[in-house]
């Protein structure tokens, strides 16, 4: 079985759990932006946006670079492949469970049909 980095997954999912941070990632997917631009777009204070960027940076999803007085944000170099693989593994487990449940339900339906036909 594939081993996943618990700390990395925790940091990524914590970062992705907030709608504003997901929106920032979408925005940065289109173009780099300064913290000021992001704060204006999301109607937030600079301090609030800096905190969101810090969470995204800690998760490795965003990088920042300060040039003069402007801190520019861009998507981090790592993607979400490990997180996607973790989700896919869980999806396969759930699909197997649902398939097994379908088999049980079908067997019960067949049995009910047989038992129902015998009592007439």
PDB file of N, CA and C in Angstrom:
ATOM      1  N   UNK A   1       0.833  -1.176   0.000  1.00  0.00           N
ATOM      2  CA  UNK A   1       0.000   0.000   0.000  1.00  0.00           C
ATOM      3  C   UNK A   1       0.885   1.249   0.000  1.00  0.00           C
ATOM      4  N   UNK A   2       0.431   2.270  -0.683  1.00  0.00           N
ATOM      5  CA  UNK A   2       1.181   3.515  -0.781  1.00  0.00           C
ATOM      6  C   UNK A   2       1.176   4.209   0.574  1.00  0.00           C
ATOM      7  N   UNK A   3       2.345   4.705   0.982  1.00  0.00           N
ATOM      8  CA  UNK A   3       2.455   5.446   2.230  1.00  0.00           C
ATOM      9  C   UNK A   3       2.310   6.934   1.934  1.00  0.00           C
ATOM     10  N   UNK A   4       1.489   7.603   2.719  1.00  0.00           N
ATOM     11  CA  UNK A   4       1.275   9.026   2.545  1.00  0.00           C
ATOM     12  C   UNK A   4       1.863   9.765   3.733  1.00  0.00           C
ATOM     13  N   UNK A   5       2.388  10.948   3.494  1.00  0.00           N
ATOM     14  CA  UNK A   5       2.919  11.787   4.554  1.00  0.00           C
ATOM     15  C   UNK A   5       1.751  12.432   5.295  1.00  0.00           C
ATOM     16  N   UNK A   6       1.519  11.992   6.514  1.00  0.00           N
ATOM     17  CA  UNK A   6       0.391  12.488   7.294  1.00  0.00           C
ATOM     18  C   UNK A   6       0.476  13.996   7.506  1.00  0.00           C
ATOM     19  N   UNK A   7       1.647  14.493   7.844  1.00  0.00           N
ATOM     20  CA  UNK A   7       1.805  15.931   8.094  1.00  0.00           C
ATOM     21  C   UNK A   7       1.497  16.737   6.834  1.00  0.00           C
ATOM     22  N   UNK A   8       1.969  16.241   5.714  1.00  0.00           N
ATOM     23  CA  UNK A   8       1.725  16.953   4.442  1.00  0.00           C
ATOM     24  C   UNK A   8       0.243  16.935   4.089  1.00  0.00           C
ATOM     25  N   UNK A   9      -0.389  15.771   4.227  1.00  0.00           N
ATOM     26  CA  UNK A   9      -1.821  15.695   3.941  1.00  0.00           C
ATOM     27  C   UNK A   9      -2.620  16.588   4.880  1.00  0.00           C
ATOM     28  N   UNK A  10      -2.265  16.559   6.161  1.00  0.00           N
ATOM     29  CA  UNK A  10      -2.965  17.406   7.136  1.00  0.00           C
ATOM     30  C   UNK A  10      -2.835  18.878   6.764  1.00  0.00           C
ATOM     31  N   UNK A  11      -1.626  19.297   6.416  1.00  0.00           N
ATOM     32  CA  UNK A  11      -1.402  20.705   6.059  1.00  0.00           C
ATOM     33  C   UNK A  11      -2.174  21.076   4.795  1.00  0.00           C
ATOM     34  N   UNK A  12      -2.162  20.196   3.812  1.00  0.00           N
ATOM     35  CA  UNK A  12      -2.864  20.475   2.554  1.00  0.00           C
ATOM     36  C   UNK A  12      -4.368  20.556   2.760  1.00  0.00           C
ATOM     37  N   UNK A  13      -4.929  19.561   3.448  1.00  0.00           N
ATOM     38  CA  UNK A  13      -6.371  19.562   3.640  1.00  0.00           C
ATOM     39  C   UNK A  13      -6.822  20.697   4.557  1.00  0.00           C
ATOM     40  N   UNK A  14      -5.996  21.061   5.534  1.00  0.00           N
ATOM     41  CA  UNK A  14      -6.318  22.215   6.384  1.00  0.00           C
ATOM     42  C   UNK A  14      -6.324  23.483   5.534  1.00  0.00           C
ATOM     43  N   UNK A  15      -5.341  23.614   4.657  1.00  0.00           N
ATOM     44  CA  UNK A  15      -5.279  24.791   3.791  1.00  0.00           C
ATOM     45  C   UNK A  15      -6.474  24.829   2.842  1.00  0.00           C
ATOM     46  N   UNK A  16      -6.842  23.680   2.308  1.00  0.00           N
ATOM     47  CA  UNK A  16      -7.948  23.613   1.346  1.00  0.00           C
ATOM     48  C   UNK A  16      -9.322  23.673   1.999  1.00  0.00           C
ATOM     49  N   UNK A  17      -9.380  23.578   3.313  1.00  0.00           N
ATOM     50  CA  UNK A  17     -10.679  23.551   3.996  1.00  0.00           C
ATOM     51  C   UNK A  17     -11.362  24.913   4.015  1.00  0.00           C
ATOM     52  N   UNK A  18     -10.639  25.960   3.677  1.00  0.00           N
ATOM     53  CA  UNK A  18     -11.202  27.305   3.723  1.00  0.00           C
ATOM     54  C   UNK A  18     -11.519  27.802   2.308  1.00  0.00           C
ATOM     55  N   UNK A  19     -12.726  28.329   2.134  1.00  0.00           N
ATOM     56  CA  UNK A  19     -13.173  28.787   0.812  1.00  0.00           C
ATOM     57  C   UNK A  19     -12.301  29.918   0.278  1.00  0.00           C
ATOM     58  N   UNK A  20     -11.875  30.824   1.139  1.00  0.00           N
ATOM     59  CA  UNK A  20     -11.025  31.928   0.687  1.00  0.00           C
ATOM     60  C   UNK A  20      -9.705  31.395   0.153  1.00  0.00           C
ATOM     61  N   UNK A  21      -9.108  30.452   0.866  1.00  0.00           N
ATOM     62  CA  UNK A  21      -7.833  29.904   0.410  1.00  0.00           C
ATOM     63  C   UNK A  21      -7.993  29.147  -0.908  1.00  0.00           C
ATOM     64  N   UNK A  22      -9.105  28.432  -1.051  1.00  0.00           N
ATOM     65  CA  UNK A  22      -9.350  27.765  -2.344  1.00  0.00           C
ATOM     66  C   UNK A  22      -9.498  28.809  -3.449  1.00  0.00           C
ATOM     67  N   UNK A  23     -10.170  29.893  -3.140  1.00  0.00           N
ATOM     68  CA  UNK A  23     -10.323  30.984  -4.113  1.00  0.00           C
ATOM     69  C   UNK A  23      -8.987  31.605  -4.480  1.00  0.00           C
ATOM     70  N   UNK A  24      -8.109  31.779  -3.496  1.00  0.00           N
ATOM     71  CA  UNK A  24      -6.771  32.323  -3.757  1.00  0.00           C
ATOM     72  C   UNK A  24      -6.021  31.389  -4.700  1.00  0.00           C
ATOM     73  N   UNK A  25      -6.103  30.087  -4.464  1.00  0.00           N
ATOM     74  CA  UNK A  25      -5.427  29.135  -5.357  1.00  0.00           C
ATOM     75  C   UNK A  25      -5.972  29.232  -6.778  1.00  0.00           C
ATOM     76  N   UNK A  26      -7.288  29.374  -6.907  1.00  0.00           N
ATOM     77  CA  UNK A  26      -7.874  29.532  -8.235  1.00  0.00           C
ATOM     78  C   UNK A  26      -7.365  30.796  -8.900  1.00  0.00           C
ATOM     79  N   UNK A  27      -7.337  31.884  -8.144  1.00  0.00           N
ATOM     80  CA  UNK A  27      -6.859  33.161  -8.668  1.00  0.00           C
ATOM     81  C   UNK A  27      -5.405  33.047  -9.113  1.00  0.00           C
ATOM     82  N   UNK A  28      -4.575  32.442  -8.284  1.00  0.00           N
ATOM     83  CA  UNK A  28      -3.158  32.308  -8.621  1.00  0.00           C
ATOM     84  C   UNK A  28      -2.931  31.333  -9.771  1.00  0.00           C
ATOM     85  N   UNK A  29      -3.898  30.460 -10.017  1.00  0.00           N
ATOM     86  CA  UNK A  29      -3.810  29.570 -11.178  1.00  0.00           C
ATOM     87  C   UNK A  29      -3.897  30.351 -12.472  1.00  0.00           C
ATOM     88  N   UNK A  30      -4.517  31.517 -12.426  1.00  0.00           N
ATOM     89  CA  UNK A  30      -4.634  32.370 -13.613  1.00  0.00           C
ATOM     90  C   UNK A  30      -3.439  33.296 -13.764  1.00  0.00           C
ATOM     91  N   UNK A  31      -2.990  33.862 -12.630  1.00  0.00           N
ATOM     92  CA  UNK A  31      -1.874  34.820 -12.687  1.00  0.00           C
ATOM     93  C   UNK A  31      -1.335  35.063 -11.288  1.00  0.00           C
ATOM     94  N   UNK A  32      -0.061  35.380 -11.209  1.00  0.00           N
ATOM     95  CA  UNK A  32       0.534  35.779  -9.934  1.00  0.00           C
ATOM     96  C   UNK A  32      -0.165  37.051  -9.460  1.00  0.00           C
ATOM     97  N   UNK A  33      -0.149  37.276  -8.153  1.00  0.00           N
ATOM     98  CA  UNK A  33      -0.798  38.467  -7.613  1.00  0.00           C
ATOM     99  C   UNK A  33      -0.112  38.883  -6.322  1.00  0.00           C
ATOM    100  N   UNK A  34      -0.182  40.168  -6.027  1.00  0.00           N
ATOM    101  CA  UNK A  34       0.360  40.653  -4.760  1.00  0.00           C
ATOM    102  C   UNK A  34      -0.660  40.389  -3.660  1.00  0.00           C
ATOM    103  N   UNK A  35      -0.185  40.414  -2.433  1.00  0.00           N
ATOM    104  CA  UNK A  35      -1.095  40.230  -1.296  1.00  0.00           C
ATOM    105  C   UNK A  35      -2.140  41.339  -1.296  1.00  0.00           C
ATOM    106  N   UNK A  36      -1.745  42.545  -1.659  1.00  0.00           N
ATOM    107  CA  UNK A  36      -2.687  43.668  -1.716  1.00  0.00           C
ATOM    108  C   UNK A  36      -3.787  43.390  -2.740  1.00  0.00           C
ATOM    109  N   UNK A  37      -3.405  42.908  -3.924  1.00  0.00           N
ATOM    110  CA  UNK A  37      -4.405  42.594  -4.957  1.00  0.00           C
ATOM    111  C   UNK A  37      -5.359  41.502  -4.483  1.00  0.00           C
ATOM    112  N   UNK A  38      -4.812  40.486  -3.847  1.00  0.00           N
ATOM    113  CA  UNK A  38      -5.656  39.394  -3.349  1.00  0.00           C
ATOM    114  C   UNK A  38      -6.591  39.888  -2.253  1.00  0.00           C
ATOM    115  N   UNK A  39      -6.072  40.713  -1.343  1.00  0.00           N
ATOM    116  CA  UNK A  39      -6.900  41.251  -0.261  1.00  0.00           C
ATOM    117  C   UNK A  39      -8.058  42.063  -0.830  1.00  0.00           C
ATOM    118  N   UNK A  40      -7.787  42.868  -1.844  1.00  0.00           N
ATOM    119  CA  UNK A  40      -8.857  43.663  -2.469  1.00  0.00           C
ATOM    120  C   UNK A  40      -9.876  42.766  -3.153  1.00  0.00           C
ATOM    121  N   UNK A  41      -9.396  41.775  -3.885  1.00  0.00           N
ATOM    122  CA  UNK A  41     -10.310  40.879  -4.615  1.00  0.00           C
ATOM    123  C   UNK A  41     -11.243  40.138  -3.667  1.00  0.00           C
ATOM    124  N   UNK A  42     -10.711  39.750  -2.496  1.00  0.00           N
ATOM    125  CA  UNK A  42     -11.506  38.970  -1.543  1.00  0.00           C
ATOM    126  C   UNK A  42     -12.102  39.836  -0.427  1.00  0.00           C
ATOM    127  N   UNK A  43     -12.003  41.165  -0.598  1.00  0.00           N
ATOM    128  CA  UNK A  43     -12.586  42.111   0.367  1.00  0.00           C
ATOM    129  C   UNK A  43     -12.121  41.824   1.787  1.00  0.00           C
ATOM    130  N   UNK A  44     -10.807  41.734   1.941  1.00  0.00           N
ATOM    131  CA  UNK A  44     -10.206  41.425   3.238  1.00  0.00           C
ATOM    132  C   UNK A  44      -9.161  42.471   3.598  1.00  0.00           C
ATOM    133  N   UNK A  45      -8.785  42.454   4.860  1.00  0.00           N
ATOM    134  CA  UNK A  45      -7.657  43.283   5.290  1.00  0.00           C
ATOM    135  C   UNK A  45      -6.364  42.626   4.830  1.00  0.00           C
ATOM    136  N   UNK A  46      -5.305  43.414   4.759  1.00  0.00           N
ATOM    137  CA  UNK A  46      -3.994  42.852   4.406  1.00  0.00           C
ATOM    138  C   UNK A  46      -3.564  41.802   5.428  1.00  0.00           C
ATOM    139  N   UNK A  47      -3.828  42.085   6.703  1.00  0.00           N
ATOM    140  CA  UNK A  47      -3.455  41.133   7.759  1.00  0.00           C
ATOM    141  C   UNK A  47      -4.174  39.809   7.586  1.00  0.00           C
ATOM    142  N   UNK A  48      -5.453  39.860   7.291  1.00  0.00           N
ATOM    143  CA  UNK A  48      -6.229  38.636   7.080  1.00  0.00           C
ATOM    144  C   UNK A  48      -5.711  37.840   5.905  1.00  0.00           C
ATOM    145  N   UNK A  49      -5.418  38.539   4.797  1.00  0.00           N
ATOM    146  CA  UNK A  49      -4.918  37.842   3.609  1.00  0.00           C
ATOM    147  C   UNK A  49      -3.529  37.273   3.877  1.00  0.00           C
ATOM    148  N   UNK A  50      -2.683  38.002   4.607  1.00  0.00           N
ATOM    149  CA  UNK A  50      -1.345  37.490   4.932  1.00  0.00           C
ATOM    150  C   UNK A  50      -1.448  36.180   5.704  1.00  0.00           C
ATOM    151  N   UNK A  51      -2.423  36.082   6.601  1.00  0.00           N
ATOM    152  CA  UNK A  51      -2.606  34.842   7.370  1.00  0.00           C
ATOM    153  C   UNK A  51      -3.009  33.697   6.446  1.00  0.00           C
ATOM    154  N   UNK A  52      -3.920  33.964   5.519  1.00  0.00           N
ATOM    155  CA  UNK A  52      -4.329  32.921   4.567  1.00  0.00           C
ATOM    156  C   UNK A  52      -3.142  32.479   3.709  1.00  0.00           C
ATOM    157  N   UNK A  53      -2.376  33.440   3.236  1.00  0.00           N
ATOM    158  CA  UNK A  53      -1.206  33.121   2.405  1.00  0.00           C
ATOM    159  C   UNK A  53      -0.203  32.305   3.220  1.00  0.00           C
ATOM    160  N   UNK A  54      -0.045  32.644   4.501  1.00  0.00           N
ATOM    161  CA  UNK A  54       0.873  31.895   5.365  1.00  0.00           C
ATOM    162  C   UNK A  54       0.480  30.430   5.482  1.00  0.00           C
ATOM    163  N   UNK A  55      -0.810  30.162   5.617  1.00  0.00           N
ATOM    164  CA  UNK A  55      -1.293  28.773   5.699  1.00  0.00           C
ATOM    165  C   UNK A  55      -1.009  28.051   4.383  1.00  0.00           C
ATOM    166  N   UNK A  56      -1.286  28.714   3.276  1.00  0.00           N
ATOM    167  CA  UNK A  56      -1.034  28.107   1.963  1.00  0.00           C
ATOM    168  C   UNK A  56       0.464  27.883   1.728  1.00  0.00           C
ATOM    169  N   UNK A  57       1.266  28.810   2.209  1.00  0.00           N
ATOM    170  CA  UNK A  57       2.717  28.684   2.069  1.00  0.00           C
ATOM    171  C   UNK A  57       3.236  27.516   2.902  1.00  0.00           C
ATOM    172  N   UNK A  58       2.748  27.390   4.134  1.00  0.00           N
ATOM    173  CA  UNK A  58       3.180  26.279   5.008  1.00  0.00           C
ATOM    174  C   UNK A  58       2.842  24.930   4.386  1.00  0.00           C
ATOM    175  N   UNK A  59       1.732  24.874   3.657  1.00  0.00           N
ATOM    176  CA  UNK A  59       1.329  23.628   3.001  1.00  0.00           C
ATOM    177  C   UNK A  59       2.094  23.407   1.694  1.00  0.00           C
ATOM    178  N   UNK A  60       2.882  24.394   1.282  1.00  0.00           N
ATOM    179  CA  UNK A  60       3.643  24.268   0.043  1.00  0.00           C
ATOM    180  C   UNK A  60       2.825  24.531  -1.203  1.00  0.00           C
ATOM    181  N   UNK A  61       1.630  25.086  -1.028  1.00  0.00           N
ATOM    182  CA  UNK A  61       0.749  25.325  -2.175  1.00  0.00           C
ATOM    183  C   UNK A  61       0.990  26.677  -2.826  1.00  0.00           C
ATOM    184  N   UNK A  62       1.632  27.588  -2.091  1.00  0.00           N
ATOM    185  CA  UNK A  62       1.900  28.936  -2.583  1.00  0.00           C
ATOM    186  C   UNK A  62       3.312  29.320  -2.178  1.00  0.00           C
ATOM    187  N   UNK A  63       3.965  30.102  -3.019  1.00  0.00           N
ATOM    188  CA  UNK A  63       5.245  30.707  -2.649  1.00  0.00           C
ATOM    189  C   UNK A  63       5.096  32.212  -2.775  1.00  0.00           C
ATOM    190  N   UNK A  64       5.892  32.933  -2.006  1.00  0.00           N
ATOM    191  CA  UNK A  64       5.860  34.391  -2.099  1.00  0.00           C
ATOM    192  C   UNK A  64       7.276  34.905  -2.290  1.00  0.00           C
ATOM    193  N   UNK A  65       7.356  36.063  -2.906  1.00  0.00           N
ATOM    194  CA  UNK A  65       8.641  36.719  -3.110  1.00  0.00           C
ATOM    195  C   UNK A  65       8.430  38.208  -2.883  1.00  0.00           C
ATOM    196  N   UNK A  66       9.265  38.772  -2.035  1.00  0.00           N
ATOM    197  CA  UNK A  66       9.148  40.194  -1.738  1.00  0.00           C
ATOM    198  C   UNK A  66      10.168  40.963  -2.556  1.00  0.00           C
ATOM    199  N   UNK A  67       9.688  41.916  -3.315  1.00  0.00           N
ATOM    200  CA  UNK A  67      10.540  42.806  -4.100  1.00  0.00           C
ATOM    201  C   UNK A  67      10.146  44.222  -3.701  1.00  0.00           C
ATOM    202  N   UNK A  68      11.032  44.889  -3.005  1.00  0.00           N
ATOM    203  CA  UNK A  68      10.706  46.218  -2.490  1.00  0.00           C
ATOM    204  C   UNK A  68       9.621  46.104  -1.442  1.00  0.00           C
ATOM    205  N   UNK A  69       8.536  46.813  -1.668  1.00  0.00           N
ATOM    206  CA  UNK A  69       7.426  46.796  -0.706  1.00  0.00           C
ATOM    207  C   UNK A  69       6.308  45.833  -1.117  1.00  0.00           C
ATOM    208  N   UNK A  70       6.500  45.147  -2.222  1.00  0.00           N
ATOM    209  CA  UNK A  70       5.435  44.289  -2.753  1.00  0.00           C
ATOM    210  C   UNK A  70       5.802  42.820  -2.574  1.00  0.00           C
ATOM    211  N   UNK A  71       4.877  42.060  -1.962  1.00  0.00           N
ATOM    212  CA  UNK A  71       5.051  40.614  -1.827  1.00  0.00           C
ATOM    213  C   UNK A  71       4.142  39.948  -2.868  1.00  0.00           C
ATOM    214  N   UNK A  72       4.778  39.283  -3.828  1.00  0.00           N
ATOM    215  CA  UNK A  72       4.043  38.626  -4.907  1.00  0.00           C
ATOM    216  C   UNK A  72       3.846  37.161  -4.575  1.00  0.00           C
ATOM    217  N   UNK A  73       2.639  36.674  -4.820  1.00  0.00           N
ATOM    218  CA  UNK A  73       2.279  35.281  -4.545  1.00  0.00           C
ATOM    219  C   UNK A  73       2.129  34.541  -5.869  1.00  0.00           C
ATOM    220  N   UNK A  74       2.555  33.279  -5.848  1.00  0.00           N
ATOM    221  CA  UNK A  74       2.353  32.414  -7.017  1.00  0.00           C
ATOM    222  C   UNK A  74       2.118  30.992  -6.514  1.00  0.00           C
ATOM    223  N   UNK A  75       1.574  30.176  -7.388  1.00  0.00           N
ATOM    224  CA  UNK A  75       1.362  28.779  -7.010  1.00  0.00           C
ATOM    225  C   UNK A  75       2.690  28.132  -6.682  1.00  0.00           C
ATOM    226  N   UNK A  76       2.692  27.263  -5.679  1.00  0.00           N
ATOM    227  CA  UNK A  76       3.901  26.533  -5.310  1.00  0.00           C
ATOM    228  C   UNK A  76       4.266  25.536  -6.382  1.00  0.00           C
ATOM    229  N   UNK A  77       5.482  25.051  -6.315  1.00  0.00           N
ATOM    230  CA  UNK A  77       5.973  24.138  -7.354  1.00  0.00           C
ATOM    231  C   UNK A  77       5.376  22.744  -7.238  1.00  0.00           C
ATOM    232  N   UNK A  78       4.914  22.384  -6.046  1.00  0.00           N
ATOM    233  CA  UNK A  78       4.347  21.044  -5.896  1.00  0.00           C
ATOM    234  C   UNK A  78       2.853  21.080  -6.189  1.00  0.00           C
ATOM    235  N   UNK A  79       2.386  20.040  -6.808  1.00  0.00           N
ATOM    236  CA  UNK A  79       0.959  19.955  -7.095  1.00  0.00           C
ATOM    237  C   UNK A  79       0.248  19.224  -5.970  1.00  0.00           C
ATOM    238  N   UNK A  80      -0.901  18.719  -6.273  1.00  0.00           N
ATOM    239  CA  UNK A  80      -1.705  18.005  -5.279  1.00  0.00           C
ATOM    240  C   UNK A  80      -1.795  16.517  -5.617  1.00  0.00           C
ATOM    241  N   UNK A  81      -0.742  15.977  -6.235  1.00  0.00           N
ATOM    242  CA  UNK A  81      -0.774  14.573  -6.653  1.00  0.00           C
ATOM    243  C   UNK A  81      -0.932  13.623  -5.474  1.00  0.00           C
ATOM    244  N   UNK A  82      -0.196  13.867  -4.392  1.00  0.00           N
ATOM    245  CA  UNK A  82      -0.284  12.976  -3.234  1.00  0.00           C
ATOM    246  C   UNK A  82      -1.688  13.027  -2.618  1.00  0.00           C
ATOM    247  N   UNK A  83      -2.253  14.221  -2.550  1.00  0.00           N
ATOM    248  CA  UNK A  83      -3.597  14.364  -1.997  1.00  0.00           C
ATOM    249  C   UNK A  83      -4.628  13.685  -2.900  1.00  0.00           C
ATOM    250  N   UNK A  84      -4.464  13.853  -4.205  1.00  0.00           N
ATOM    251  CA  UNK A  84      -5.370  13.208  -5.154  1.00  0.00           C
ATOM    252  C   UNK A  84      -5.263  11.687  -5.066  1.00  0.00           C
ATOM    253  N   UNK A  85      -4.057  11.167  -4.882  1.00  0.00           N
ATOM    254  CA  UNK A  85      -3.860   9.716  -4.749  1.00  0.00           C
ATOM    255  C   UNK A  85      -4.519   9.212  -3.469  1.00  0.00           C
ATOM    256  N   UNK A  86      -4.419   9.984  -2.383  1.00  0.00           N
ATOM    257  CA  UNK A  86      -5.054   9.598  -1.120  1.00  0.00           C
ATOM    258  C   UNK A  86      -6.571   9.533  -1.289  1.00  0.00           C
ATOM    259  N   UNK A  87      -7.136  10.547  -1.943  1.00  0.00           N
ATOM    260  CA  UNK A  87      -8.584  10.578  -2.190  1.00  0.00           C
ATOM    261  C   UNK A  87      -8.991   9.403  -3.071  1.00  0.00           C
ATOM    262  N   UNK A  88      -8.213   9.128  -4.102  1.00  0.00           N
ATOM    263  CA  UNK A  88      -8.524   8.022  -5.009  1.00  0.00           C
ATOM    264  C   UNK A  88      -8.512   6.683  -4.281  1.00  0.00           C
ATOM    265  N   UNK A  89      -7.551   6.502  -3.382  1.00  0.00           N
ATOM    266  CA  UNK A  89      -7.497   5.248  -2.612  1.00  0.00           C
ATOM    267  C   UNK A  89      -8.754   5.097  -1.768  1.00  0.00           C
ATOM    268  N   UNK A  90      -9.200   6.179  -1.152  1.00  0.00           N
ATOM    269  CA  UNK A  90     -10.435   6.115  -0.346  1.00  0.00           C
ATOM    270  C   UNK A  90     -11.657   5.854  -1.223  1.00  0.00           C
ATOM    271  N   UNK A  91     -11.672   6.469  -2.415  1.00  0.00           N
ATOM    272  CA  UNK A  91     -12.787   6.266  -3.347  1.00  0.00           C
ATOM    273  C   UNK A  91     -12.891   4.800  -3.747  1.00  0.00           C
ATOM    274  N   UNK A  92     -11.747   4.158  -3.993  1.00  0.00           N
ATOM    275  CA  UNK A  92     -11.746   2.742  -4.364  1.00  0.00           C
ATOM    276  C   UNK A  92     -12.282   1.879  -3.227  1.00  0.00           C
ATOM    277  N   UNK A  93     -11.901   2.210  -1.996  1.00  0.00           N
ATOM    278  CA  UNK A  93     -12.407   1.461  -0.834  1.00  0.00           C
ATOM    279  C   UNK A  93     -13.920   1.587  -0.749  1.00  0.00           C
ATOM    280  N   UNK A  94     -14.425   2.828  -0.864  1.00  0.00           N
ATOM    281  CA  UNK A  94     -15.875   3.034  -0.774  1.00  0.00           C
ATOM    282  C   UNK A  94     -16.608   2.346  -1.922  1.00  0.00           C
ATOM    283  N   UNK A  95     -16.059   2.408  -3.132  1.00  0.00           N
ATOM    284  CA  UNK A  95     -16.694   1.740  -4.263  1.00  0.00           C
ATOM    285  C   UNK A  95     -16.772   0.236  -4.034  1.00  0.00           C
ATOM    286  N   UNK A  96     -15.706  -0.351  -3.487  1.00  0.00           N
ATOM    287  CA  UNK A  96     -15.727  -1.789  -3.197  1.00  0.00           C
ATOM    288  C   UNK A  96     -16.802  -2.111  -2.165  1.00  0.00           C
ATOM    289  N   UNK A  97     -16.930  -1.262  -1.166  1.00  0.00           N
ATOM    290  CA  UNK A  97     -17.961  -1.490  -0.142  1.00  0.00           C
ATOM    291  C   UNK A  97     -19.364  -1.369  -0.732  1.00  0.00           C
ATOM    292  N   UNK A  98     -19.580  -0.381  -1.584  1.00  0.00           N
ATOM    293  CA  UNK A  98     -20.891  -0.216  -2.202  1.00  0.00           C
ATOM    294  C   UNK A  98     -21.197  -1.376  -3.146  1.00  0.00           C
ATOM    295  N   UNK A  99     -20.191  -1.867  -3.860  1.00  0.00           N
ATOM    296  CA  UNK A  99     -20.395  -3.030  -4.729  1.00  0.00           C
ATOM    297  C   UNK A  99     -20.789  -4.252  -3.900  1.00  0.00           C
ATOM    298  N   UNK A 100     -20.134  -4.450  -2.767  1.00  0.00           N
ATOM    299  CA  UNK A 100     -20.472  -5.580  -1.892  1.00  0.00           C
ATOM    300  C   UNK A 100     -21.893  -5.420  -1.351  1.00  0.00           C
ATOM    301  N   UNK A 101     -22.269  -4.205  -1.002  1.00  0.00           N
ATOM    302  CA  UNK A 101     -23.635  -3.956  -0.517  1.00  0.00           C
ATOM    303  C   UNK A 101     -24.647  -4.235  -1.621  1.00  0.00           C
ATOM    304  N   UNK A 102     -24.339  -3.840  -2.844  1.00  0.00           N
ATOM    305  CA  UNK A 102     -25.222  -4.138  -3.980  1.00  0.00           C
ATOM    306  C   UNK A 102     -25.421  -5.643  -4.129  1.00  0.00           C
ATOM    307  N   UNK A 103     -24.340  -6.414  -3.959  1.00  0.00           N
ATOM    308  CA  UNK A 103     -24.428  -7.874  -4.063  1.00  0.00           C
ATOM    309  C   UNK A 103     -25.356  -8.437  -2.990  1.00  0.00           C
ATOM    310  N   UNK A 104     -25.259  -7.928  -1.770  1.00  0.00           N
ATOM    311  CA  UNK A 104     -26.119  -8.386  -0.675  1.00  0.00           C
ATOM    312  C   UNK A 104     -27.574  -8.049  -0.986  1.00  0.00           C
ATOM    313  N   UNK A 105     -27.816  -6.859  -1.456  1.00  0.00           N
ATOM    314  CA  UNK A 105     -29.191  -6.441  -1.767  1.00  0.00           C
ATOM    315  C   UNK A 105     -29.773  -7.311  -2.878  1.00  0.00           C
ATOM    316  N   UNK A 106     -29.004  -7.563  -3.915  1.00  0.00           N
ATOM    317  CA  UNK A 106     -29.476  -8.411  -5.009  1.00  0.00           C
ATOM    318  C   UNK A 106     -29.777  -9.830  -4.513  1.00  0.00           C
ATOM    319  N   UNK A 107     -28.922 -10.368  -3.652  1.00  0.00           N
ATOM    320  CA  UNK A 107     -29.156 -11.715  -3.104  1.00  0.00           C
ATOM    321  C   UNK A 107     -30.436 -11.730  -2.272  1.00  0.00           C
ATOM    322  N   UNK A 108     -30.666 -10.690  -1.485  1.00  0.00           N
ATOM    323  CA  UNK A 108     -31.893 -10.615  -0.686  1.00  0.00           C
ATOM    324  C   UNK A 108     -33.127 -10.497  -1.572  1.00  0.00           C
ATOM    325  N   UNK A 109     -33.030  -9.758  -2.657  1.00  0.00           N
ATOM    326  CA  UNK A 109     -34.163  -9.627  -3.586  1.00  0.00           C
ATOM    327  C   UNK A 109     -34.491 -10.977  -4.224  1.00  0.00           C
ATOM    328  N   UNK A 110     -33.420 -11.701  -4.639  1.00  0.00           N
ATOM    329  CA  UNK A 110     -33.643 -13.022  -5.245  1.00  0.00           C
ATOM    330  C   UNK A 110     -34.291 -13.970  -4.240  1.00  0.00           C
ATOM    331  N   UNK A 111     -33.793 -13.953  -3.017  1.00  0.00           N
ATOM    332  CA  UNK A 111     -34.331 -14.820  -1.971  1.00  0.00           C
ATOM    333  C   UNK A 111     -35.788 -14.470  -1.688  1.00  0.00           C
ATOM    334  N   UNK A 112     -36.083 -13.185  -1.640  1.00  0.00           N
ATOM    335  CA  UNK A 112     -37.450 -12.744  -1.386  1.00  0.00           C
ATOM    336  C   UNK A 112     -38.384 -13.189  -2.502  1.00  0.00           C
ATOM    337  N   UNK A 113     -37.883 -13.131  -3.747  1.00  0.00           N
ATOM    338  CA  UNK A 113     -38.675 -13.567  -4.890  1.00  0.00           C
ATOM    339  C   UNK A 113     -38.977 -15.075  -4.802  1.00  0.00           C
ATOM    340  N   UNK A 114     -37.936 -15.841  -4.465  1.00  0.00           N
ATOM    341  CA  UNK A 114     -38.096 -17.289  -4.341  1.00  0.00           C
ATOM    342  C   UNK A 114     -39.033 -17.617  -3.189  1.00  0.00           C
ATOM    343  N   UNK A 115     -38.797 -17.011  -2.023  1.00  0.00           N
ATOM    344  CA  UNK A 115     -39.635 -17.266  -0.847  1.00  0.00           C
ATOM    345  C   UNK A 115     -41.063 -16.803  -1.083  1.00  0.00           C
ATOM    346  N   UNK A 116     -41.233 -15.697  -1.761  1.00  0.00           N
ATOM    347  CA  UNK A 116     -42.561 -15.183  -2.055  1.00  0.00           C
ATOM    348  C   UNK A 116     -43.332 -16.074  -3.003  1.00  0.00           C
ATOM    349  N   UNK A 117     -42.623 -16.672  -3.949  1.00  0.00           N
ATOM    350  CA  UNK A 117     -43.253 -17.571  -4.916  1.00  0.00           C
ATOM    351  C   UNK A 117     -43.650 -18.898  -4.298  1.00  0.00           C
ATOM    352  N   UNK A 118     -42.965 -19.348  -3.230  1.00  0.00           N
ATOM    353  CA  UNK A 118     -43.270 -20.621  -2.573  1.00  0.00           C
ATOM    354  C   UNK A 118     -44.476 -20.531  -1.675  1.00  0.00           C
ATOM    355  N   UNK A 119     -44.772 -19.331  -1.138  1.00  0.00           N
ATOM    356  CA  UNK A 119     -45.865 -19.232  -0.166  1.00  0.00           C
ATOM    357  C   UNK A 119     -47.217 -19.144  -0.842  1.00  0.00           C
ATOM    358  N   UNK A 120     -47.256 -19.016  -2.161  1.00  0.00           N
ATOM    359  CA  UNK A 120     -48.558 -18.932  -2.850  1.00  0.00           C
ATOM    360  C   UNK A 120     -49.170 -20.260  -3.096  1.00  0.00           C
TER     361      UNK A 120
END
